[in-house]
Amino acid sequence: MKLDPVLLAAMQGPTWRQEARKRVVAATFPPEEQVALYAALGMPVPSSGELSEVREDVLTYKSQLSRGRDARFKVSMISGYHFTCALTGCRLIASKSTYMPIEAAHIHAHARKGPDSPDNGLALTPTAHDLFDAGLWTVDDRLRIKVAHSDIAESILPGGSHFKLSDLHGRPLSFAPQASLRPDPRHLAWHRQEVFGRA
């Protein structure tokens, strides 16, 4: 692998290397360890203003990285399920609007070390997504819907058209004929044990 000549030249400069060291220490280590590390590297301790700037840069970078990761996951999920909610079968594409009523839901929660892989997600409407995250429904190994009947009481007013979650119990997930994704049984098992089982 060849490095870009401009980057290679910059890396060979002492100023660039000094700045890189400062940023790595400030971004990676807790404040109580930073002074000792700067001393070990023969560097002066940066001012609090410099450290704040480095931390702000790191937070901005992490935020941008997270937004990019979220966008990739969302696009792969929604298109992989062909813009169709796996719970309700709802598919709505408005030709004169950018509104998309389908969200990408992690099965094994990302905040709990779930991967951003397409087999760890479902395309769901916002309501279905919230109900799934709350553990009020899940999916068995045969890709059938399981509803936490004992945890919900629901009704629909006369003339209402919304779905009743309890009516979906035992039904298979909805997959459009063009859908290319299916959830991984390992992630479904995690959701049943860690989320559905604790609702």
N, C-alpha and C. Protein backbone atom coordinates (compact mmCIF):
# COMPACT_ATOMS: atom_id res chain seq x y z
N MET A 1 0.84 -1.18 0.00
CA MET A 1 0.00 0.00 0.00
C MET A 1 0.89 1.24 0.00
N LYS A 2 0.61 2.19 -0.89
CA LYS A 2 1.39 3.42 -0.97
C LYS A 2 0.63 4.58 -0.37
N LEU A 3 1.31 5.36 0.46
CA LEU A 3 0.71 6.54 1.04
C LEU A 3 0.74 7.69 0.05
N ASP A 4 -0.23 8.55 0.15
CA ASP A 4 -0.25 9.76 -0.65
C ASP A 4 1.02 10.56 -0.35
N PRO A 5 1.76 11.01 -1.38
CA PRO A 5 3.03 11.72 -1.16
C PRO A 5 2.89 12.96 -0.27
N VAL A 6 1.77 13.67 -0.39
CA VAL A 6 1.57 14.88 0.43
C VAL A 6 1.41 14.49 1.90
N LEU A 7 0.63 13.41 2.15
CA LEU A 7 0.45 12.93 3.52
C LEU A 7 1.77 12.43 4.08
N LEU A 8 2.53 11.69 3.28
CA LEU A 8 3.82 11.15 3.72
C LEU A 8 4.77 12.28 4.10
N ALA A 9 4.81 13.33 3.30
CA ALA A 9 5.69 14.48 3.59
C ALA A 9 5.26 15.15 4.89
N ALA A 10 3.93 15.30 5.09
CA ALA A 10 3.44 15.93 6.32
C ALA A 10 3.80 15.09 7.54
N MET A 11 3.67 13.76 7.43
CA MET A 11 3.95 12.87 8.55
C MET A 11 5.42 12.90 8.95
N GLN A 12 6.29 13.24 8.02
CA GLN A 12 7.72 13.27 8.32
C GLN A 12 8.14 14.56 9.01
N GLY A 13 7.25 15.55 9.02
CA GLY A 13 7.58 16.82 9.68
C GLY A 13 7.39 16.73 11.18
N PRO A 14 8.31 17.27 11.98
CA PRO A 14 8.20 17.18 13.44
C PRO A 14 6.97 17.91 13.98
N THR A 15 6.55 18.99 13.35
CA THR A 15 5.38 19.73 13.82
C THR A 15 4.13 18.87 13.71
N TRP A 16 3.98 18.19 12.57
CA TRP A 16 2.82 17.32 12.34
C TRP A 16 2.80 16.19 13.36
N ARG A 17 3.96 15.56 13.59
CA ARG A 17 4.02 14.44 14.53
C ARG A 17 3.71 14.90 15.95
N GLN A 18 4.21 16.08 16.30
CA GLN A 18 3.93 16.62 17.64
C GLN A 18 2.43 16.88 17.83
N GLU A 19 1.80 17.44 16.82
CA GLU A 19 0.36 17.72 16.89
C GLU A 19 -0.43 16.41 16.96
N ALA A 20 0.01 15.40 16.19
CA ALA A 20 -0.67 14.10 16.21
C ALA A 20 -0.59 13.47 17.59
N ARG A 21 0.59 13.53 18.21
CA ARG A 21 0.75 12.98 19.57
C ARG A 21 -0.18 13.69 20.55
N LYS A 22 -0.20 15.01 20.46
CA LYS A 22 -1.03 15.79 21.37
C LYS A 22 -2.50 15.39 21.24
N ARG A 23 -2.95 15.23 20.00
CA ARG A 23 -4.35 14.90 19.77
C ARG A 23 -4.69 13.48 20.22
N VAL A 24 -3.78 12.55 19.98
CA VAL A 24 -4.04 11.16 20.39
C VAL A 24 -4.15 11.07 21.91
N VAL A 25 -3.24 11.72 22.63
CA VAL A 25 -3.27 11.68 24.09
C VAL A 25 -4.54 12.34 24.61
N ALA A 26 -4.86 13.53 24.09
CA ALA A 26 -6.03 14.27 24.57
C ALA A 26 -7.34 13.55 24.27
N ALA A 27 -7.39 12.86 23.13
CA ALA A 27 -8.64 12.22 22.72
C ALA A 27 -8.81 10.82 23.30
N THR A 28 -7.71 10.19 23.73
CA THR A 28 -7.78 8.78 24.10
C THR A 28 -7.69 8.52 25.60
N PHE A 29 -6.95 9.34 26.32
CA PHE A 29 -6.67 9.05 27.72
C PHE A 29 -7.41 10.01 28.65
N PRO A 30 -7.76 9.53 29.87
CA PRO A 30 -8.44 10.41 30.82
C PRO A 30 -7.49 11.52 31.29
N PRO A 31 -8.03 12.66 31.71
CA PRO A 31 -7.21 13.81 32.10
C PRO A 31 -6.12 13.49 33.12
N GLU A 32 -6.43 12.60 34.08
CA GLU A 32 -5.43 12.31 35.11
C GLU A 32 -4.20 11.58 34.58
N GLU A 33 -4.30 10.95 33.40
CA GLU A 33 -3.16 10.25 32.81
C GLU A 33 -2.43 11.11 31.78
N GLN A 34 -3.08 12.16 31.32
CA GLN A 34 -2.51 12.95 30.23
C GLN A 34 -1.21 13.64 30.61
N VAL A 35 -1.12 14.22 31.80
CA VAL A 35 0.09 14.94 32.21
C VAL A 35 1.29 14.01 32.18
N ALA A 36 1.14 12.80 32.73
CA ALA A 36 2.25 11.84 32.75
C ALA A 36 2.64 11.44 31.33
N LEU A 37 1.66 11.27 30.45
CA LEU A 37 1.97 10.87 29.08
C LEU A 37 2.68 11.99 28.32
N TYR A 38 2.22 13.23 28.50
CA TYR A 38 2.91 14.35 27.84
C TYR A 38 4.35 14.45 28.34
N ALA A 39 4.55 14.23 29.65
CA ALA A 39 5.91 14.28 30.20
C ALA A 39 6.75 13.15 29.61
N ALA A 40 6.17 11.94 29.50
CA ALA A 40 6.90 10.80 28.94
C ALA A 40 7.29 11.03 27.48
N LEU A 41 6.46 11.78 26.77
CA LEU A 41 6.73 12.08 25.35
C LEU A 41 7.61 13.32 25.20
N GLY A 42 7.99 13.95 26.32
CA GLY A 42 8.82 15.15 26.26
C GLY A 42 8.08 16.34 25.69
N MET A 43 6.77 16.40 25.93
CA MET A 43 5.95 17.48 25.38
C MET A 43 5.41 18.34 26.51
N PRO A 44 5.23 19.64 26.25
CA PRO A 44 4.57 20.46 27.26
C PRO A 44 3.09 20.10 27.33
N VAL A 45 2.51 20.26 28.51
CA VAL A 45 1.09 19.99 28.67
C VAL A 45 0.32 21.10 27.95
N PRO A 46 -0.57 20.73 27.01
CA PRO A 46 -1.33 21.76 26.29
C PRO A 46 -2.22 22.55 27.26
N SER A 47 -2.52 23.78 26.87
CA SER A 47 -3.41 24.60 27.69
C SER A 47 -4.82 23.99 27.67
N SER A 48 -5.63 24.39 28.65
CA SER A 48 -7.00 23.86 28.70
C SER A 48 -7.77 24.25 27.45
N GLY A 49 -7.47 25.42 26.88
CA GLY A 49 -8.13 25.84 25.64
C GLY A 49 -7.78 24.92 24.48
N GLU A 50 -6.50 24.54 24.38
CA GLU A 50 -6.08 23.62 23.31
C GLU A 50 -6.74 22.26 23.48
N LEU A 51 -6.78 21.77 24.74
CA LEU A 51 -7.41 20.46 24.99
C LEU A 51 -8.89 20.49 24.68
N SER A 52 -9.56 21.60 25.01
CA SER A 52 -10.99 21.72 24.69
C SER A 52 -11.20 21.66 23.19
N GLU A 53 -10.32 22.33 22.45
CA GLU A 53 -10.44 22.33 20.99
C GLU A 53 -10.27 20.92 20.43
N VAL A 54 -9.28 20.19 20.95
CA VAL A 54 -9.04 18.81 20.49
C VAL A 54 -10.26 17.95 20.80
N ARG A 55 -10.78 18.06 22.04
CA ARG A 55 -11.95 17.25 22.41
C ARG A 55 -13.16 17.58 21.55
N GLU A 56 -13.32 18.86 21.24
CA GLU A 56 -14.44 19.28 20.39
C GLU A 56 -14.29 18.68 18.99
N ASP A 57 -13.05 18.70 18.46
CA ASP A 57 -12.79 18.09 17.15
C ASP A 57 -13.12 16.60 17.16
N VAL A 58 -12.71 15.92 18.24
CA VAL A 58 -12.96 14.48 18.36
C VAL A 58 -14.46 14.20 18.43
N LEU A 59 -15.18 15.00 19.23
CA LEU A 59 -16.63 14.81 19.34
C LEU A 59 -17.32 15.04 18.01
N THR A 60 -16.88 16.07 17.27
CA THR A 60 -17.46 16.35 15.95
C THR A 60 -17.21 15.18 15.02
N TYR A 61 -15.97 14.65 15.03
CA TYR A 61 -15.62 13.52 14.17
C TYR A 61 -16.47 12.30 14.52
N LYS A 62 -16.58 12.01 15.83
CA LYS A 62 -17.37 10.84 16.24
C LYS A 62 -18.84 11.00 15.86
N SER A 63 -19.34 12.23 15.98
CA SER A 63 -20.73 12.50 15.61
C SER A 63 -20.94 12.28 14.11
N GLN A 64 -20.01 12.77 13.30
CA GLN A 64 -20.12 12.60 11.85
C GLN A 64 -20.01 11.13 11.47
N LEU A 65 -19.10 10.41 12.15
CA LEU A 65 -18.94 8.98 11.90
C LEU A 65 -20.22 8.23 12.23
N SER A 66 -20.83 8.60 13.37
CA SER A 66 -22.07 7.96 13.80
C SER A 66 -23.20 8.23 12.81
N ARG A 67 -23.29 9.49 12.34
CA ARG A 67 -24.35 9.83 11.37
C ARG A 67 -24.16 9.05 10.07
N GLY A 68 -22.91 8.91 9.64
CA GLY A 68 -22.64 8.15 8.41
C GLY A 68 -22.99 6.69 8.57
N ARG A 69 -22.65 6.12 9.75
CA ARG A 69 -22.96 4.73 10.03
C ARG A 69 -24.47 4.51 10.06
N ASP A 70 -25.18 5.43 10.74
CA ASP A 70 -26.63 5.33 10.84
C ASP A 70 -27.29 5.42 9.47
N ALA A 71 -26.77 6.32 8.62
CA ALA A 71 -27.35 6.49 7.28
C ALA A 71 -27.15 5.24 6.43
N ARG A 72 -25.96 4.64 6.51
CA ARG A 72 -25.70 3.42 5.74
C ARG A 72 -26.62 2.29 6.20
N PHE A 73 -26.77 2.14 7.51
CA PHE A 73 -27.63 1.09 8.05
C PHE A 73 -29.07 1.31 7.60
N LYS A 74 -29.54 2.56 7.70
CA LYS A 74 -30.92 2.88 7.32
C LYS A 74 -31.18 2.57 5.85
N VAL A 75 -30.29 3.00 4.98
CA VAL A 75 -30.47 2.78 3.54
C VAL A 75 -30.47 1.28 3.23
N SER A 76 -29.53 0.54 3.82
CA SER A 76 -29.47 -0.90 3.50
C SER A 76 -30.71 -1.63 4.03
N MET A 77 -31.20 -1.23 5.21
CA MET A 77 -32.37 -1.89 5.78
C MET A 77 -33.63 -1.60 4.98
N ILE A 78 -33.89 -0.32 4.76
CA ILE A 78 -35.15 0.07 4.12
C ILE A 78 -35.22 -0.45 2.69
N SER A 79 -34.11 -0.34 1.96
CA SER A 79 -34.13 -0.85 0.58
C SER A 79 -34.13 -2.38 0.57
N GLY A 80 -33.41 -3.01 1.52
CA GLY A 80 -33.37 -4.47 1.60
C GLY A 80 -34.71 -5.09 1.93
N TYR A 81 -35.57 -4.34 2.63
CA TYR A 81 -36.93 -4.80 2.91
C TYR A 81 -37.94 -4.20 1.93
N HIS A 82 -37.43 -3.61 0.89
CA HIS A 82 -38.22 -3.01 -0.19
C HIS A 82 -39.29 -2.05 0.35
N PHE A 83 -38.83 -1.16 1.26
CA PHE A 83 -39.67 -0.07 1.76
C PHE A 83 -40.96 -0.57 2.42
N THR A 84 -40.90 -1.76 3.03
CA THR A 84 -42.09 -2.38 3.61
C THR A 84 -41.86 -2.70 5.08
N CYS A 85 -42.83 -2.35 5.90
CA CYS A 85 -42.75 -2.66 7.34
C CYS A 85 -42.90 -4.17 7.54
N ALA A 86 -41.94 -4.75 8.23
CA ALA A 86 -41.95 -6.20 8.45
C ALA A 86 -43.07 -6.64 9.39
N LEU A 87 -43.56 -5.73 10.24
CA LEU A 87 -44.66 -6.09 11.15
C LEU A 87 -46.01 -5.95 10.47
N THR A 88 -46.27 -4.80 9.87
CA THR A 88 -47.61 -4.50 9.36
C THR A 88 -47.80 -4.74 7.88
N GLY A 89 -46.70 -4.83 7.12
CA GLY A 89 -46.81 -4.95 5.67
C GLY A 89 -47.07 -3.62 5.00
N CYS A 90 -47.05 -2.54 5.77
CA CYS A 90 -47.31 -1.20 5.22
C CYS A 90 -46.17 -0.78 4.29
N ARG A 91 -46.55 -0.29 3.12
CA ARG A 91 -45.57 0.25 2.17
C ARG A 91 -46.18 1.50 1.57
N LEU A 92 -45.51 2.64 1.82
CA LEU A 92 -46.01 3.91 1.31
C LEU A 92 -44.86 4.71 0.75
N ILE A 93 -44.94 5.04 -0.52
CA ILE A 93 -43.95 5.91 -1.15
C ILE A 93 -44.71 7.08 -1.74
N ALA A 94 -44.42 8.28 -1.23
CA ALA A 94 -45.09 9.49 -1.72
C ALA A 94 -44.25 10.11 -2.83
N SER A 95 -44.79 10.17 -4.04
CA SER A 95 -44.02 10.64 -5.19
C SER A 95 -43.66 12.11 -5.10
N LYS A 96 -44.44 12.91 -4.37
CA LYS A 96 -44.18 14.35 -4.31
C LYS A 96 -43.60 14.77 -2.96
N SER A 97 -43.03 13.82 -2.25
CA SER A 97 -42.48 14.13 -0.93
C SER A 97 -41.28 13.23 -0.66
N THR A 98 -40.39 13.70 0.20
CA THR A 98 -39.25 12.87 0.61
C THR A 98 -39.57 12.10 1.89
N TYR A 99 -40.80 12.24 2.40
CA TYR A 99 -41.18 11.55 3.63
C TYR A 99 -41.19 10.04 3.41
N MET A 100 -40.57 9.32 4.33
CA MET A 100 -40.54 7.87 4.26
C MET A 100 -41.00 7.33 5.61
N PRO A 101 -42.17 6.70 5.67
CA PRO A 101 -42.72 6.26 6.95
C PRO A 101 -42.13 4.95 7.46
N ILE A 102 -40.95 4.57 7.01
CA ILE A 102 -40.31 3.34 7.44
C ILE A 102 -38.97 3.67 8.07
N GLU A 103 -38.67 3.01 9.19
CA GLU A 103 -37.42 3.22 9.90
C GLU A 103 -36.61 1.93 9.94
N ALA A 104 -35.31 2.07 10.17
CA ALA A 104 -34.43 0.92 10.33
C ALA A 104 -34.28 0.64 11.82
N ALA A 105 -34.73 -0.52 12.27
CA ALA A 105 -34.67 -0.89 13.69
C ALA A 105 -33.61 -1.96 13.90
N HIS A 106 -32.75 -1.74 14.89
CA HIS A 106 -31.81 -2.79 15.28
C HIS A 106 -32.58 -3.86 16.07
N ILE A 107 -32.27 -5.12 15.83
CA ILE A 107 -32.85 -6.22 16.60
C ILE A 107 -32.05 -6.36 17.90
N HIS A 108 -30.76 -6.64 17.76
CA HIS A 108 -29.84 -6.60 18.91
C HIS A 108 -29.40 -5.15 19.01
N ALA A 109 -29.83 -4.47 20.05
CA ALA A 109 -29.63 -3.03 20.18
C ALA A 109 -28.18 -2.62 19.95
N HIS A 110 -27.99 -1.58 19.14
CA HIS A 110 -26.64 -1.09 18.87
C HIS A 110 -25.98 -0.59 20.15
N ALA A 111 -26.76 0.02 21.03
CA ALA A 111 -26.22 0.53 22.29
C ALA A 111 -25.74 -0.61 23.20
N ARG A 112 -26.16 -1.84 22.88
CA ARG A 112 -25.75 -3.00 23.68
C ARG A 112 -24.92 -3.95 22.83
N LYS A 113 -24.06 -3.36 22.02
CA LYS A 113 -23.06 -4.07 21.22
C LYS A 113 -23.63 -4.85 20.03
N GLY A 114 -24.82 -4.48 19.59
CA GLY A 114 -25.38 -5.10 18.39
C GLY A 114 -24.71 -4.51 17.16
N PRO A 115 -24.43 -5.33 16.15
CA PRO A 115 -23.74 -4.84 14.96
C PRO A 115 -24.65 -4.04 14.03
N ASP A 116 -24.03 -3.22 13.20
CA ASP A 116 -24.76 -2.46 12.18
C ASP A 116 -24.84 -3.27 10.89
N SER A 117 -25.07 -4.55 11.01
CA SER A 117 -25.13 -5.40 9.81
C SER A 117 -26.59 -5.56 9.39
N PRO A 118 -26.82 -5.72 8.08
CA PRO A 118 -28.20 -5.82 7.59
C PRO A 118 -29.01 -6.95 8.21
N ASP A 119 -28.35 -8.04 8.66
CA ASP A 119 -29.11 -9.15 9.26
C ASP A 119 -29.47 -8.88 10.72
N ASN A 120 -29.09 -7.69 11.22
CA ASN A 120 -29.46 -7.30 12.58
C ASN A 120 -30.49 -6.18 12.56
N GLY A 121 -31.36 -6.21 11.60
CA GLY A 121 -32.34 -5.13 11.53
C GLY A 121 -33.64 -5.56 10.92
N LEU A 122 -34.63 -4.70 11.13
CA LEU A 122 -35.95 -4.84 10.52
C LEU A 122 -36.37 -3.47 10.03
N ALA A 123 -37.06 -3.41 8.92
CA ALA A 123 -37.67 -2.17 8.46
C ALA A 123 -39.05 -2.11 9.10
N LEU A 124 -39.32 -1.02 9.84
CA LEU A 124 -40.58 -0.92 10.59
C LEU A 124 -41.14 0.49 10.53
N THR A 125 -42.45 0.62 10.67
CA THR A 125 -43.03 1.95 10.83
C THR A 125 -42.58 2.48 12.19
N PRO A 126 -42.64 3.80 12.42
CA PRO A 126 -42.22 4.33 13.72
C PRO A 126 -42.96 3.69 14.91
N THR A 127 -44.26 3.45 14.78
CA THR A 127 -45.01 2.83 15.87
C THR A 127 -44.54 1.40 16.11
N ALA A 128 -44.39 0.62 15.04
CA ALA A 128 -43.92 -0.76 15.18
C ALA A 128 -42.53 -0.79 15.79
N HIS A 129 -41.69 0.15 15.41
CA HIS A 129 -40.32 0.25 15.93
C HIS A 129 -40.36 0.50 17.44
N ASP A 130 -41.17 1.47 17.87
CA ASP A 130 -41.27 1.78 19.30
C ASP A 130 -41.78 0.57 20.10
N LEU A 131 -42.79 -0.11 19.57
CA LEU A 131 -43.34 -1.29 20.25
C LEU A 131 -42.31 -2.42 20.35
N PHE A 132 -41.49 -2.56 19.30
CA PHE A 132 -40.45 -3.59 19.27
C PHE A 132 -39.38 -3.27 20.31
N ASP A 133 -38.93 -2.00 20.33
CA ASP A 133 -37.90 -1.60 21.30
C ASP A 133 -38.41 -1.70 22.73
N ALA A 134 -39.72 -1.55 22.92
CA ALA A 134 -40.30 -1.66 24.26
C ALA A 134 -40.50 -3.12 24.67
N GLY A 135 -40.25 -4.06 23.77
CA GLY A 135 -40.39 -5.48 24.09
C GLY A 135 -41.81 -5.97 24.08
N LEU A 136 -42.72 -5.25 23.41
CA LEU A 136 -44.12 -5.68 23.38
C LEU A 136 -44.40 -6.69 22.26
N TRP A 137 -43.44 -6.84 21.36
CA TRP A 137 -43.54 -7.92 20.38
C TRP A 137 -42.12 -8.31 19.98
N THR A 138 -42.02 -9.52 19.45
CA THR A 138 -40.73 -10.02 18.98
C THR A 138 -40.99 -11.02 17.86
N VAL A 139 -39.97 -11.77 17.49
CA VAL A 139 -40.08 -12.70 16.36
C VAL A 139 -39.46 -14.03 16.77
N ASP A 140 -40.14 -15.14 16.46
CA ASP A 140 -39.58 -16.45 16.80
C ASP A 140 -38.67 -16.94 15.68
N ASP A 141 -38.12 -18.13 15.86
CA ASP A 141 -37.17 -18.66 14.87
C ASP A 141 -37.82 -18.99 13.52
N ARG A 142 -39.16 -19.12 13.51
CA ARG A 142 -39.85 -19.38 12.24
C ARG A 142 -40.31 -18.08 11.58
N LEU A 143 -39.81 -16.96 12.11
CA LEU A 143 -40.13 -15.61 11.62
C LEU A 143 -41.61 -15.28 11.79
N ARG A 144 -42.16 -15.78 12.92
CA ARG A 144 -43.55 -15.46 13.26
C ARG A 144 -43.56 -14.48 14.43
N ILE A 145 -44.57 -13.62 14.43
CA ILE A 145 -44.69 -12.55 15.42
C ILE A 145 -45.19 -13.11 16.75
N LYS A 146 -44.52 -12.70 17.83
CA LYS A 146 -44.95 -13.06 19.19
C LYS A 146 -45.29 -11.76 19.91
N VAL A 147 -46.48 -11.70 20.49
CA VAL A 147 -46.94 -10.49 21.17
C VAL A 147 -47.00 -10.76 22.67
N ALA A 148 -46.58 -9.77 23.46
CA ALA A 148 -46.62 -9.86 24.92
C ALA A 148 -48.04 -9.53 25.38
N HIS A 149 -48.97 -10.46 25.21
CA HIS A 149 -50.39 -10.23 25.51
C HIS A 149 -50.62 -9.72 26.92
N SER A 150 -49.90 -10.27 27.89
CA SER A 150 -50.15 -9.90 29.28
C SER A 150 -49.72 -8.48 29.60
N ASP A 151 -48.93 -7.87 28.73
CA ASP A 151 -48.41 -6.52 29.00
C ASP A 151 -49.17 -5.41 28.29
N ILE A 152 -50.19 -5.76 27.52
CA ILE A 152 -50.88 -4.72 26.76
C ILE A 152 -52.39 -4.84 26.89
N ALA A 153 -53.05 -3.70 26.83
CA ALA A 153 -54.51 -3.63 26.71
C ALA A 153 -54.74 -2.63 25.58
N GLU A 154 -55.42 -3.03 24.53
CA GLU A 154 -55.58 -2.14 23.39
C GLU A 154 -56.97 -2.24 22.82
N SER A 155 -57.38 -1.16 22.18
CA SER A 155 -58.68 -1.13 21.52
C SER A 155 -58.62 -0.10 20.40
N ILE A 156 -59.56 -0.20 19.49
CA ILE A 156 -59.65 0.74 18.38
C ILE A 156 -61.04 1.36 18.41
N LEU A 157 -61.09 2.67 18.32
CA LEU A 157 -62.38 3.35 18.31
C LEU A 157 -63.17 2.96 17.06
N PRO A 158 -64.50 2.99 17.11
CA PRO A 158 -65.30 2.69 15.91
C PRO A 158 -64.87 3.59 14.75
N GLY A 159 -64.66 2.97 13.62
CA GLY A 159 -64.22 3.71 12.44
C GLY A 159 -62.72 3.86 12.34
N GLY A 160 -62.00 3.46 13.40
CA GLY A 160 -60.54 3.56 13.38
C GLY A 160 -59.95 2.53 12.43
N SER A 161 -58.76 2.82 11.95
CA SER A 161 -58.18 1.92 10.95
C SER A 161 -56.80 1.40 11.37
N HIS A 162 -56.35 1.75 12.57
CA HIS A 162 -55.02 1.32 12.99
C HIS A 162 -55.04 -0.18 13.32
N PHE A 163 -53.89 -0.82 13.20
CA PHE A 163 -53.82 -2.25 13.50
C PHE A 163 -53.84 -2.49 15.01
N LYS A 164 -54.32 -3.66 15.40
CA LYS A 164 -54.21 -4.10 16.79
C LYS A 164 -53.03 -5.07 16.85
N LEU A 165 -52.10 -4.77 17.73
CA LEU A 165 -50.90 -5.60 17.84
C LEU A 165 -51.26 -7.04 18.17
N SER A 166 -52.21 -7.23 19.09
CA SER A 166 -52.56 -8.60 19.51
C SER A 166 -53.10 -9.44 18.35
N ASP A 167 -53.70 -8.80 17.35
CA ASP A 167 -54.22 -9.54 16.19
C ASP A 167 -53.10 -10.12 15.32
N LEU A 168 -51.88 -9.61 15.49
CA LEU A 168 -50.76 -10.06 14.65
C LEU A 168 -50.02 -11.25 15.25
N HIS A 169 -50.36 -11.63 16.47
CA HIS A 169 -49.67 -12.73 17.14
C HIS A 169 -49.78 -14.02 16.30
N GLY A 170 -48.66 -14.65 16.07
CA GLY A 170 -48.62 -15.91 15.32
C GLY A 170 -48.52 -15.74 13.82
N ARG A 171 -48.71 -14.52 13.32
CA ARG A 171 -48.58 -14.30 11.88
C ARG A 171 -47.11 -14.20 11.47
N PRO A 172 -46.81 -14.56 10.23
CA PRO A 172 -45.41 -14.40 9.78
C PRO A 172 -45.09 -12.93 9.54
N LEU A 173 -43.81 -12.59 9.64
CA LEU A 173 -43.39 -11.24 9.27
C LEU A 173 -43.78 -10.98 7.82
N SER A 174 -43.93 -9.73 7.48
CA SER A 174 -44.29 -9.35 6.11
C SER A 174 -43.04 -9.05 5.30
N PHE A 175 -42.85 -9.78 4.23
CA PHE A 175 -41.72 -9.55 3.33
C PHE A 175 -42.26 -9.29 1.94
N ALA A 176 -41.91 -8.14 1.37
CA ALA A 176 -42.28 -7.87 -0.01
C ALA A 176 -41.59 -8.89 -0.91
N PRO A 177 -42.20 -9.25 -2.06
CA PRO A 177 -41.57 -10.23 -2.95
C PRO A 177 -40.15 -9.82 -3.37
N GLN A 178 -39.90 -8.51 -3.44
CA GLN A 178 -38.58 -8.04 -3.87
C GLN A 178 -37.59 -7.91 -2.71
N ALA A 179 -38.03 -8.16 -1.48
CA ALA A 179 -37.14 -7.99 -0.31
C ALA A 179 -36.00 -8.98 -0.35
N SER A 180 -34.80 -8.48 -0.07
CA SER A 180 -33.61 -9.34 -0.13
C SER A 180 -33.06 -9.68 1.25
N LEU A 181 -33.58 -9.08 2.30
CA LEU A 181 -33.04 -9.29 3.64
C LEU A 181 -33.95 -10.16 4.50
N ARG A 182 -33.31 -10.87 5.42
CA ARG A 182 -34.01 -11.61 6.47
C ARG A 182 -33.20 -11.46 7.75
N PRO A 183 -33.87 -11.41 8.91
CA PRO A 183 -33.13 -11.25 10.16
C PRO A 183 -32.40 -12.54 10.56
N ASP A 184 -31.25 -12.38 11.20
CA ASP A 184 -30.45 -13.50 11.68
C ASP A 184 -31.10 -14.08 12.94
N PRO A 185 -31.30 -15.40 13.02
CA PRO A 185 -31.92 -16.01 14.20
C PRO A 185 -31.18 -15.69 15.51
N ARG A 186 -29.86 -15.50 15.45
CA ARG A 186 -29.10 -15.19 16.67
C ARG A 186 -29.52 -13.84 17.25
N HIS A 187 -29.75 -12.86 16.37
CA HIS A 187 -30.17 -11.54 16.85
C HIS A 187 -31.61 -11.59 17.37
N LEU A 188 -32.44 -12.37 16.70
CA LEU A 188 -33.82 -12.54 17.18
C LEU A 188 -33.83 -13.19 18.57
N ALA A 189 -32.97 -14.18 18.77
CA ALA A 189 -32.89 -14.85 20.08
C ALA A 189 -32.45 -13.85 21.16
N TRP A 190 -31.52 -12.97 20.80
CA TRP A 190 -31.08 -11.94 21.76
C TRP A 190 -32.26 -11.04 22.13
N HIS A 191 -33.04 -10.62 21.14
CA HIS A 191 -34.17 -9.74 21.41
C HIS A 191 -35.21 -10.43 22.28
N ARG A 192 -35.48 -11.69 22.01
CA ARG A 192 -36.47 -12.43 22.82
C ARG A 192 -36.03 -12.51 24.28
N GLN A 193 -34.75 -12.78 24.49
CA GLN A 193 -34.24 -12.96 25.85
C GLN A 193 -34.03 -11.63 26.58
N GLU A 194 -33.44 -10.66 25.90
CA GLU A 194 -33.02 -9.43 26.58
C GLU A 194 -34.07 -8.31 26.57
N VAL A 195 -34.99 -8.34 25.62
CA VAL A 195 -35.96 -7.23 25.50
C VAL A 195 -37.38 -7.75 25.72
N PHE A 196 -37.81 -8.69 24.92
CA PHE A 196 -39.17 -9.23 25.02
C PHE A 196 -39.38 -9.92 26.37
N GLY A 197 -38.41 -10.69 26.79
CA GLY A 197 -38.52 -11.42 28.05
C GLY A 197 -38.50 -10.54 29.29
N ARG A 198 -38.15 -9.26 29.10
CA ARG A 198 -38.06 -8.35 30.26
C ARG A 198 -39.08 -7.23 30.18
N ALA A 199 -39.98 -7.30 29.20
CA ALA A 199 -40.98 -6.23 29.04
C ALA A 199 -41.91 -6.18 30.23
